[in-house]
Amino acid sequence: MPEINGASMLQTLAKEDTLRVFAAVVAATGTGLPQHSGNTTSITWTTTTGVSRRTRLSDAAVVTALKELTEAHLILASPEGDGWHTDFGAVSQAAASLRS
C-alpha cells in the first residue's frame, strides 16, 4: 500500500485546474468503489476526453492534473493508463490519519 500523505493531497488540490479535474473525476466516477449488481461487479472510469469536456480545460492541462492527482493518491489510473477514478480508499485513509 502506498504511503498516503494528507498534506500532499491538499497541496495538490490547492491548484485551481487540478481541483477542477478532481471534481470532474468524482462527478463521473463517484467514490470509485466497485459497484455490485447481481453477479456483476464494475468500476466506472473517466477519460481525458471526458474530463476535458466537463472542465473545458485543454487536454494538456487535464493530463498534467491527472498525473498530479494520481501521484497524490487522490485518483487511480486504469491498468491501461487510459482511464481514472476516485481513490476513495486513500482519501479515507488520509482522513483517518488526522483522527490519530
N, C-alpha and C. Protein backbone atom coordinates (compact mmCIF):
# COMPACT_ATOMS: atom_id res chain seq x y z
N MET A 1 0.86 -1.18 0.00
CA MET A 1 0.00 0.00 0.00
C MET A 1 0.89 1.24 0.00
N PRO A 2 0.62 2.19 -0.88
CA PRO A 2 1.45 3.40 -0.93
C PRO A 2 1.28 4.25 0.32
N GLU A 3 2.29 5.03 0.61
CA GLU A 3 2.20 5.95 1.74
C GLU A 3 1.24 7.09 1.38
N ILE A 4 0.24 7.29 2.22
CA ILE A 4 -0.76 8.32 1.98
C ILE A 4 -0.37 9.55 2.78
N ASN A 5 -0.29 10.68 2.10
CA ASN A 5 0.13 11.92 2.74
C ASN A 5 -0.98 12.96 2.54
N GLY A 6 -1.75 13.20 3.59
CA GLY A 6 -2.87 14.14 3.51
C GLY A 6 -2.43 15.54 3.13
N ALA A 7 -1.27 15.98 3.63
CA ALA A 7 -0.78 17.32 3.29
C ALA A 7 -0.50 17.41 1.79
N SER A 8 0.09 16.37 1.23
CA SER A 8 0.36 16.35 -0.21
C SER A 8 -0.94 16.39 -1.01
N MET A 9 -1.95 15.68 -0.51
CA MET A 9 -3.26 15.70 -1.18
C MET A 9 -3.82 17.11 -1.21
N LEU A 10 -3.77 17.78 -0.07
CA LEU A 10 -4.30 19.15 0.00
C LEU A 10 -3.51 20.11 -0.87
N GLN A 11 -2.19 19.95 -0.89
CA GLN A 11 -1.37 20.82 -1.74
C GLN A 11 -1.73 20.63 -3.20
N THR A 12 -2.00 19.40 -3.59
CA THR A 12 -2.39 19.13 -4.97
C THR A 12 -3.73 19.78 -5.29
N LEU A 13 -4.66 19.72 -4.37
CA LEU A 13 -5.98 20.30 -4.60
C LEU A 13 -6.00 21.82 -4.52
N ALA A 14 -4.91 22.42 -4.05
CA ALA A 14 -4.85 23.88 -3.93
C ALA A 14 -4.58 24.56 -5.27
N LYS A 15 -4.42 23.79 -6.33
CA LYS A 15 -4.25 24.36 -7.68
C LYS A 15 -5.61 24.31 -8.38
N GLU A 16 -6.02 25.44 -8.93
CA GLU A 16 -7.38 25.53 -9.47
C GLU A 16 -7.68 24.47 -10.54
N ASP A 17 -6.80 24.32 -11.54
CA ASP A 17 -7.07 23.34 -12.59
C ASP A 17 -7.13 21.93 -12.03
N THR A 18 -6.25 21.63 -11.10
CA THR A 18 -6.22 20.29 -10.52
C THR A 18 -7.49 20.02 -9.70
N LEU A 19 -7.95 21.01 -8.97
CA LEU A 19 -9.19 20.87 -8.21
C LEU A 19 -10.38 20.65 -9.16
N ARG A 20 -10.41 21.38 -10.25
CA ARG A 20 -11.49 21.22 -11.23
C ARG A 20 -11.47 19.83 -11.84
N VAL A 21 -10.27 19.32 -12.14
CA VAL A 21 -10.15 17.98 -12.71
C VAL A 21 -10.58 16.94 -11.67
N PHE A 22 -10.16 17.10 -10.42
CA PHE A 22 -10.58 16.16 -9.38
C PHE A 22 -12.10 16.16 -9.25
N ALA A 23 -12.70 17.33 -9.24
CA ALA A 23 -14.16 17.41 -9.14
C ALA A 23 -14.83 16.70 -10.31
N ALA A 24 -14.26 16.82 -11.50
CA ALA A 24 -14.82 16.14 -12.68
C ALA A 24 -14.69 14.63 -12.56
N VAL A 25 -13.57 14.16 -12.05
CA VAL A 25 -13.38 12.71 -11.86
C VAL A 25 -14.38 12.19 -10.84
N VAL A 26 -14.54 12.91 -9.73
CA VAL A 26 -15.51 12.49 -8.70
C VAL A 26 -16.93 12.51 -9.28
N ALA A 27 -17.26 13.54 -10.03
CA ALA A 27 -18.61 13.63 -10.61
C ALA A 27 -18.87 12.47 -11.57
N ALA A 28 -17.85 12.05 -12.29
CA ALA A 28 -18.01 10.98 -13.27
C ALA A 28 -17.96 9.59 -12.65
N THR A 29 -17.17 9.41 -11.60
CA THR A 29 -16.92 8.06 -11.08
C THR A 29 -17.42 7.82 -9.66
N GLY A 30 -17.93 8.84 -9.02
CA GLY A 30 -18.39 8.69 -7.63
C GLY A 30 -17.21 8.39 -6.72
N THR A 31 -17.38 7.43 -5.85
CA THR A 31 -16.31 7.09 -4.91
C THR A 31 -15.20 6.28 -5.57
N GLY A 32 -15.48 5.73 -6.73
CA GLY A 32 -14.51 4.87 -7.39
C GLY A 32 -14.55 3.44 -6.89
N LEU A 33 -15.40 3.18 -5.90
CA LEU A 33 -15.51 1.83 -5.36
C LEU A 33 -16.29 0.94 -6.32
N PRO A 34 -16.00 -0.35 -6.32
CA PRO A 34 -16.74 -1.27 -7.19
C PRO A 34 -18.24 -1.24 -6.89
N GLN A 35 -19.02 -1.29 -7.94
CA GLN A 35 -20.47 -1.33 -7.83
C GLN A 35 -20.93 -2.75 -8.14
N HIS A 36 -21.82 -3.28 -7.32
CA HIS A 36 -22.29 -4.66 -7.48
C HIS A 36 -23.75 -4.64 -7.94
N SER A 37 -24.02 -5.40 -8.98
CA SER A 37 -25.38 -5.53 -9.49
C SER A 37 -25.57 -6.99 -9.90
N GLY A 38 -26.28 -7.72 -9.07
CA GLY A 38 -26.46 -9.14 -9.35
C GLY A 38 -25.12 -9.86 -9.28
N ASN A 39 -24.76 -10.53 -10.34
CA ASN A 39 -23.48 -11.25 -10.40
C ASN A 39 -22.38 -10.43 -11.05
N THR A 40 -22.64 -9.17 -11.29
CA THR A 40 -21.69 -8.31 -11.99
C THR A 40 -21.10 -7.27 -11.05
N THR A 41 -19.80 -7.08 -11.14
CA THR A 41 -19.11 -6.03 -10.41
C THR A 41 -18.43 -5.13 -11.43
N SER A 42 -18.59 -3.82 -11.27
CA SER A 42 -17.98 -2.91 -12.23
C SER A 42 -17.42 -1.68 -11.52
N ILE A 43 -16.47 -1.07 -12.18
CA ILE A 43 -15.89 0.18 -11.72
C ILE A 43 -16.04 1.18 -12.86
N THR A 44 -16.48 2.38 -12.53
CA THR A 44 -16.65 3.42 -13.53
C THR A 44 -15.34 4.20 -13.66
N TRP A 45 -14.91 4.38 -14.89
CA TRP A 45 -13.69 5.14 -15.19
C TRP A 45 -14.08 6.35 -16.03
N THR A 46 -13.27 7.38 -15.99
CA THR A 46 -13.44 8.51 -16.89
C THR A 46 -12.15 8.68 -17.69
N THR A 47 -12.25 9.34 -18.82
CA THR A 47 -11.10 9.50 -19.72
C THR A 47 -10.65 10.96 -19.76
N THR A 48 -9.51 11.17 -20.38
CA THR A 48 -9.02 12.53 -20.58
C THR A 48 -10.05 13.36 -21.33
N THR A 49 -10.62 12.78 -22.36
CA THR A 49 -11.62 13.50 -23.15
C THR A 49 -12.84 13.84 -22.31
N GLY A 50 -13.30 12.89 -21.50
CA GLY A 50 -14.45 13.15 -20.63
C GLY A 50 -14.18 14.26 -19.64
N VAL A 51 -12.99 14.26 -19.06
CA VAL A 51 -12.64 15.31 -18.10
C VAL A 51 -12.51 16.65 -18.81
N SER A 52 -11.92 16.66 -20.00
CA SER A 52 -11.80 17.91 -20.77
C SER A 52 -13.17 18.50 -21.07
N ARG A 53 -14.10 17.65 -21.44
CA ARG A 53 -15.47 18.12 -21.73
C ARG A 53 -16.12 18.72 -20.49
N ARG A 54 -15.98 18.05 -19.35
CA ARG A 54 -16.59 18.53 -18.12
C ARG A 54 -15.98 19.83 -17.62
N THR A 55 -14.66 19.96 -17.77
CA THR A 55 -13.96 21.12 -17.19
C THR A 55 -13.72 22.24 -18.19
N ARG A 56 -13.78 21.91 -19.47
CA ARG A 56 -13.45 22.85 -20.55
C ARG A 56 -11.98 23.28 -20.49
N LEU A 57 -11.14 22.43 -19.89
CA LEU A 57 -9.70 22.65 -19.88
C LEU A 57 -9.08 21.95 -21.09
N SER A 58 -7.91 22.40 -21.49
CA SER A 58 -7.21 21.76 -22.60
C SER A 58 -6.80 20.34 -22.20
N ASP A 59 -6.59 19.50 -23.21
CA ASP A 59 -6.12 18.14 -22.93
C ASP A 59 -4.80 18.17 -22.17
N ALA A 60 -3.91 19.08 -22.53
CA ALA A 60 -2.61 19.17 -21.85
C ALA A 60 -2.79 19.51 -20.38
N ALA A 61 -3.66 20.45 -20.06
CA ALA A 61 -3.91 20.80 -18.66
C ALA A 61 -4.53 19.64 -17.90
N VAL A 62 -5.43 18.91 -18.55
CA VAL A 62 -6.08 17.76 -17.92
C VAL A 62 -5.07 16.66 -17.66
N VAL A 63 -4.22 16.37 -18.62
CA VAL A 63 -3.20 15.32 -18.46
C VAL A 63 -2.27 15.67 -17.30
N THR A 64 -1.85 16.91 -17.21
CA THR A 64 -0.97 17.35 -16.12
C THR A 64 -1.67 17.16 -14.77
N ALA A 65 -2.92 17.59 -14.69
CA ALA A 65 -3.67 17.47 -13.43
C ALA A 65 -3.91 16.01 -13.07
N LEU A 66 -4.25 15.17 -14.05
CA LEU A 66 -4.46 13.75 -13.77
C LEU A 66 -3.19 13.11 -13.22
N LYS A 67 -2.06 13.49 -13.77
CA LYS A 67 -0.78 12.95 -13.29
C LYS A 67 -0.54 13.37 -11.83
N GLU A 68 -0.77 14.65 -11.54
CA GLU A 68 -0.57 15.14 -10.17
C GLU A 68 -1.54 14.48 -9.19
N LEU A 69 -2.78 14.32 -9.59
CA LEU A 69 -3.78 13.69 -8.73
C LEU A 69 -3.46 12.22 -8.48
N THR A 70 -2.95 11.55 -9.50
CA THR A 70 -2.56 10.15 -9.36
C THR A 70 -1.37 10.03 -8.41
N GLU A 71 -0.37 10.90 -8.57
CA GLU A 71 0.80 10.87 -7.70
C GLU A 71 0.45 11.19 -6.25
N ALA A 72 -0.59 12.00 -6.04
CA ALA A 72 -1.03 12.35 -4.68
C ALA A 72 -1.99 11.30 -4.11
N HIS A 73 -2.30 10.26 -4.89
CA HIS A 73 -3.19 9.17 -4.47
C HIS A 73 -4.63 9.62 -4.28
N LEU A 74 -5.04 10.66 -4.99
CA LEU A 74 -6.43 11.10 -4.95
C LEU A 74 -7.27 10.36 -5.98
N ILE A 75 -6.63 9.90 -7.06
CA ILE A 75 -7.30 9.12 -8.10
C ILE A 75 -6.40 7.95 -8.47
N LEU A 76 -6.99 6.98 -9.13
CA LEU A 76 -6.25 5.81 -9.62
C LEU A 76 -6.37 5.75 -11.13
N ALA A 77 -5.28 5.36 -11.78
CA ALA A 77 -5.30 5.14 -13.23
C ALA A 77 -5.65 3.69 -13.52
N SER A 78 -6.32 3.46 -14.63
CA SER A 78 -6.63 2.10 -15.06
C SER A 78 -5.31 1.39 -15.41
N PRO A 79 -5.33 0.07 -15.43
CA PRO A 79 -4.11 -0.66 -15.80
C PRO A 79 -3.56 -0.25 -17.17
N GLU A 80 -4.46 0.12 -18.08
CA GLU A 80 -4.04 0.55 -19.42
C GLU A 80 -3.57 2.01 -19.43
N GLY A 81 -3.87 2.74 -18.37
CA GLY A 81 -3.48 4.15 -18.28
C GLY A 81 -4.35 5.09 -19.08
N ASP A 82 -5.54 4.63 -19.48
CA ASP A 82 -6.41 5.48 -20.30
C ASP A 82 -7.71 5.86 -19.60
N GLY A 83 -7.80 5.57 -18.30
CA GLY A 83 -8.98 5.92 -17.53
C GLY A 83 -8.59 6.18 -16.08
N TRP A 84 -9.43 6.91 -15.38
CA TRP A 84 -9.16 7.27 -13.98
C TRP A 84 -10.44 7.20 -13.19
N HIS A 85 -10.29 6.93 -11.89
CA HIS A 85 -11.44 7.02 -10.97
C HIS A 85 -10.94 7.47 -9.61
N THR A 86 -11.88 7.94 -8.80
CA THR A 86 -11.59 8.41 -7.46
C THR A 86 -10.95 7.30 -6.64
N ASP A 87 -9.94 7.64 -5.83
CA ASP A 87 -9.33 6.67 -4.92
C ASP A 87 -9.88 6.94 -3.52
N PHE A 88 -11.13 6.54 -3.30
CA PHE A 88 -11.81 6.80 -2.04
C PHE A 88 -11.07 6.18 -0.86
N GLY A 89 -10.48 5.03 -1.07
CA GLY A 89 -9.74 4.36 0.00
C GLY A 89 -8.59 5.20 0.51
N ALA A 90 -7.84 5.82 -0.40
CA ALA A 90 -6.71 6.66 0.01
C ALA A 90 -7.20 7.93 0.69
N VAL A 91 -8.27 8.51 0.18
CA VAL A 91 -8.82 9.72 0.81
C VAL A 91 -9.31 9.38 2.23
N SER A 92 -9.97 8.24 2.38
CA SER A 92 -10.44 7.81 3.71
C SER A 92 -9.27 7.55 4.64
N GLN A 93 -8.21 6.95 4.11
CA GLN A 93 -7.04 6.67 4.93
C GLN A 93 -6.38 7.98 5.41
N ALA A 94 -6.32 8.97 4.54
CA ALA A 94 -5.75 10.27 4.92
C ALA A 94 -6.60 10.92 6.00
N ALA A 95 -7.91 10.84 5.87
CA ALA A 95 -8.81 11.42 6.87
C ALA A 95 -8.66 10.70 8.21
N ALA A 96 -8.54 9.38 8.16
CA ALA A 96 -8.38 8.60 9.39
C ALA A 96 -7.08 8.95 10.11
N SER A 97 -6.04 9.25 9.36
CA SER A 97 -4.76 9.60 9.99
C SER A 97 -4.84 10.92 10.75
N LEU A 98 -5.78 11.77 10.37
CA LEU A 98 -5.98 13.04 11.07
C LEU A 98 -6.61 12.83 12.45
N ARG A 99 -7.36 11.75 12.59
CA ARG A 99 -8.02 11.45 13.86
C ARG A 99 -7.08 10.80 14.87
N SER A 100 -5.94 10.33 14.37
CA SER A 100 -4.98 9.63 15.27
C SER A 100 -4.24 10.58 16.17
